Amino acid sequence: MGPDPKQRREAKKARQPTAASGVPAAAPNADDEHAIAYFQRHVLDDPNETSPGRVFLRSCPPKTRAKLSSILVAVAAAPPRRFSGGGYWEAMHGTMAGWFEIRVDGPNRHHYRLFCQLDYEASGISKPLLVVIDGRDKPFRTALAESDYTRIRAYGHEYYKRNPRSII
């Protein structure tokens, strides 16, 4: 007969590396709660070091901004791959595969979108990141131009080309 369940649990705990023991802990996991971060452009790419997603969020009407922010917090806590929130958090497809968007309808029949990435490889960060890269708004029942998606993807490439990441 093998060891009892309590002995197995204690043996497993003893084998697991922890940061306190000096052994690096396991890499961030998709099932962990995520930290929210905003992509900030690097000084070499933008001397003003703007944060496109944060600038967009601040430009939204107050009620829309509050709703986008509360959804962002809820998604990060869920964690993102488990979040089920009635169409507010969606995985994108086609040329935007690998991206996620937070979707909110605002005043005057207007749509507001935050474009996000999930990052599990950021150096120096212990939690996985839910990174707001950029945001866009558009009139009701219209599509964003392909040039908008191209710009968002370019910001994504800029974000991933440095590690440690350029975030705030």
Protein backbone atom coordinates (compact mmCIF):
# COMPACT_ATOMS: atom_id res chain seq x y z
CA MET A 1 0.00 0.00 0.00
CA GLY A 2 1.30 3.50 -0.89
CA PRO A 3 1.59 6.53 1.34
CA ASP A 4 -1.60 8.16 2.54
CA PRO A 5 -2.91 11.26 0.70
CA LYS A 6 -1.60 13.66 3.35
CA GLN A 7 1.95 12.27 3.01
CA ARG A 8 1.73 12.59 -0.80
CA ARG A 9 0.60 16.24 -0.54
CA GLU A 10 3.44 17.07 1.87
CA ALA A 11 5.99 15.34 -0.37
CA LYS A 12 4.68 17.26 -3.40
CA LYS A 13 4.94 20.59 -1.51
CA ALA A 14 8.53 19.77 -0.57
CA ARG A 15 9.42 19.19 -4.25
CA GLN A 16 7.83 22.43 -5.53
CA PRO A 17 10.34 25.27 -5.96
CA THR A 18 9.52 28.57 -4.31
CA ALA A 19 11.03 32.02 -4.59
CA ALA A 20 11.66 32.02 -0.81
CA SER A 21 13.85 28.92 -1.08
CA GLY A 22 16.11 30.64 -3.60
CA VAL A 23 14.99 28.34 -6.40
CA PRO A 24 13.09 30.13 -9.17
CA ALA A 25 9.35 29.59 -9.00
CA ALA A 26 7.47 28.20 -11.98
CA ALA A 27 6.73 30.53 -14.89
CA PRO A 28 3.44 32.44 -14.88
CA ASN A 29 0.51 30.24 -15.76
CA ALA A 30 -2.59 31.01 -17.86
CA ASP A 31 -4.76 29.85 -14.96
CA ASP A 32 -3.30 32.43 -12.56
CA GLU A 33 -4.85 35.83 -11.88
CA HIS A 34 -3.28 38.33 -14.29
CA ALA A 35 -1.77 41.72 -13.53
CA ILE A 36 -3.03 44.59 -15.68
CA ALA A 37 -0.38 46.59 -17.52
CA TYR A 38 -0.40 49.22 -20.24
CA PHE A 39 2.04 49.14 -23.13
CA GLN A 40 4.24 52.24 -23.11
CA ARG A 41 6.17 53.04 -26.24
CA HIS A 42 9.93 52.97 -25.81
CA VAL A 43 11.86 56.23 -26.07
CA LEU A 44 13.70 54.88 -29.14
CA ASP A 45 10.37 54.36 -30.95
CA ASP A 46 8.52 57.40 -29.59
CA PRO A 47 10.39 60.22 -27.81
CA ASN A 48 7.18 61.09 -25.91
CA GLU A 49 6.86 57.48 -24.64
CA THR A 50 3.10 57.50 -25.12
CA SER A 51 0.86 54.69 -23.94
CA PRO A 52 -1.72 54.25 -26.74
CA GLY A 53 -4.16 52.12 -24.74
CA ARG A 54 -4.07 54.39 -21.72
CA VAL A 55 -4.41 57.54 -23.84
CA PHE A 56 -7.43 55.99 -25.56
CA LEU A 57 -9.04 54.92 -22.29
CA ARG A 58 -8.65 58.41 -20.84
CA SER A 59 -10.31 59.90 -23.94
CA CYS A 60 -13.46 57.78 -23.57
CA PRO A 61 -16.65 59.24 -22.07
CA PRO A 62 -16.59 58.79 -18.26
CA LYS A 63 -19.29 56.10 -18.11
CA THR A 64 -17.67 54.14 -20.96
CA ARG A 65 -14.23 54.48 -19.36
CA ALA A 66 -15.61 53.15 -16.06
CA LYS A 67 -17.24 50.18 -17.79
CA LEU A 68 -14.08 49.34 -19.79
CA SER A 69 -11.98 49.55 -16.61
CA SER A 70 -14.32 47.33 -14.59
CA ILE A 71 -14.36 44.70 -17.35
CA LEU A 72 -10.56 44.84 -17.53
CA VAL A 73 -10.33 44.17 -13.77
CA ALA A 74 -12.88 41.34 -13.95
CA VAL A 75 -11.10 39.66 -16.88
CA ALA A 76 -7.70 39.85 -15.15
CA ALA A 77 -9.13 38.32 -11.97
CA ALA A 78 -11.03 35.51 -13.76
CA PRO A 79 -8.31 34.71 -15.35
CA PRO A 80 -8.75 35.80 -19.00
CA ARG A 81 -9.01 32.38 -20.66
CA ARG A 82 -11.81 31.44 -18.25
CA PHE A 83 -13.71 34.71 -18.34
CA SER A 84 -17.23 34.43 -19.63
CA GLY A 85 -18.72 37.85 -19.76
CA GLY A 86 -21.45 38.16 -22.34
CA GLY A 87 -19.39 39.28 -25.31
CA TYR A 88 -17.34 41.90 -23.47
CA TRP A 89 -14.10 39.88 -23.78
CA GLU A 90 -13.51 38.25 -27.15
CA ALA A 91 -10.67 36.41 -28.83
CA MET A 92 -10.02 37.87 -32.25
CA HIS A 93 -9.64 35.99 -35.53
CA GLY A 94 -8.06 36.34 -38.95
CA THR A 95 -5.19 38.80 -39.11
CA MET A 96 -5.77 39.60 -35.42
CA ALA A 97 -5.54 35.98 -34.21
CA GLY A 98 -3.81 35.88 -30.82
CA TRP A 99 -5.30 39.22 -29.81
CA PHE A 100 -8.20 39.86 -27.45
CA GLU A 101 -10.58 42.78 -27.31
CA ILE A 102 -12.77 44.28 -24.65
CA ARG A 103 -15.96 45.49 -26.31
CA VAL A 104 -18.31 48.14 -24.94
CA ASP A 105 -21.09 50.14 -26.53
CA GLY A 106 -21.04 53.78 -25.56
CA PRO A 107 -23.25 56.82 -26.02
CA ASN A 108 -24.57 57.95 -29.39
CA ARG A 109 -24.50 54.44 -30.84
CA HIS A 110 -20.72 54.18 -30.70
CA HIS A 111 -18.50 51.11 -30.12
CA TYR A 112 -15.36 51.25 -27.97
CA ARG A 113 -12.61 48.60 -28.08
CA LEU A 114 -9.48 47.88 -26.05
CA PHE A 115 -6.98 45.61 -27.81
CA CYS A 116 -5.06 43.37 -25.42
CA GLN A 117 -2.36 40.73 -25.29
CA LEU A 118 -1.70 38.03 -22.70
CA ASP A 119 1.99 37.87 -21.81
CA TYR A 120 3.52 34.93 -19.93
CA GLU A 121 7.17 35.65 -20.78
CA ALA A 122 7.81 39.14 -19.40
CA SER A 123 11.08 39.05 -17.50
CA GLY A 124 11.10 40.29 -13.93
CA ILE A 125 7.33 39.87 -13.56
CA SER A 126 5.98 37.12 -11.31
CA LYS A 127 2.36 37.20 -12.54
CA PRO A 128 1.10 36.76 -16.08
CA LEU A 129 0.17 40.06 -17.71
CA LEU A 130 -3.00 41.28 -19.35
CA VAL A 131 -1.54 44.11 -21.42
CA VAL A 132 -3.66 46.88 -22.92
CA ILE A 133 -1.88 47.72 -26.16
CA ASP A 134 -4.26 50.16 -27.86
CA GLY A 135 -7.89 51.21 -28.18
CA ARG A 136 -10.24 52.36 -30.93
CA ASP A 137 -13.78 53.61 -31.28
CA LYS A 138 -16.10 53.43 -34.25
CA PRO A 139 -19.67 54.24 -35.19
CA PHE A 140 -22.36 51.64 -34.57
CA ARG A 141 -22.32 48.69 -37.01
CA THR A 142 -19.19 49.72 -38.87
CA ALA A 143 -15.81 48.02 -39.14
CA LEU A 144 -12.40 49.40 -38.34
CA ALA A 145 -10.16 50.05 -41.32
CA GLU A 146 -7.43 47.54 -42.03
CA SER A 147 -4.94 50.38 -41.42
CA ASP A 148 -6.20 50.53 -37.80
CA TYR A 149 -5.55 46.82 -37.33
CA THR A 150 -2.13 47.20 -38.97
CA ARG A 151 -1.23 49.96 -36.50
CA ILE A 152 -2.43 47.89 -33.53
CA ARG A 153 -0.37 44.88 -34.68
CA ALA A 154 2.67 47.16 -35.11
CA TYR A 155 2.29 48.27 -31.50
CA GLY A 156 2.11 44.60 -30.53
CA HIS A 157 5.38 43.85 -32.34
CA GLU A 158 6.96 46.87 -30.66
CA TYR A 159 5.79 45.60 -27.27
CA TYR A 160 7.25 42.10 -27.74
CA LYS A 161 10.59 43.16 -29.22
CA ARG A 162 11.96 44.16 -25.79
CA ASN A 163 12.19 42.11 -22.63
CA PRO A 164 11.97 43.52 -19.96
CA ARG A 165 8.77 44.87 -21.44
CA SER A 166 8.01 48.54 -21.83
CA ILE A 167 4.92 48.84 -19.61
CA ILE A 168 3.34 51.09 -17.01
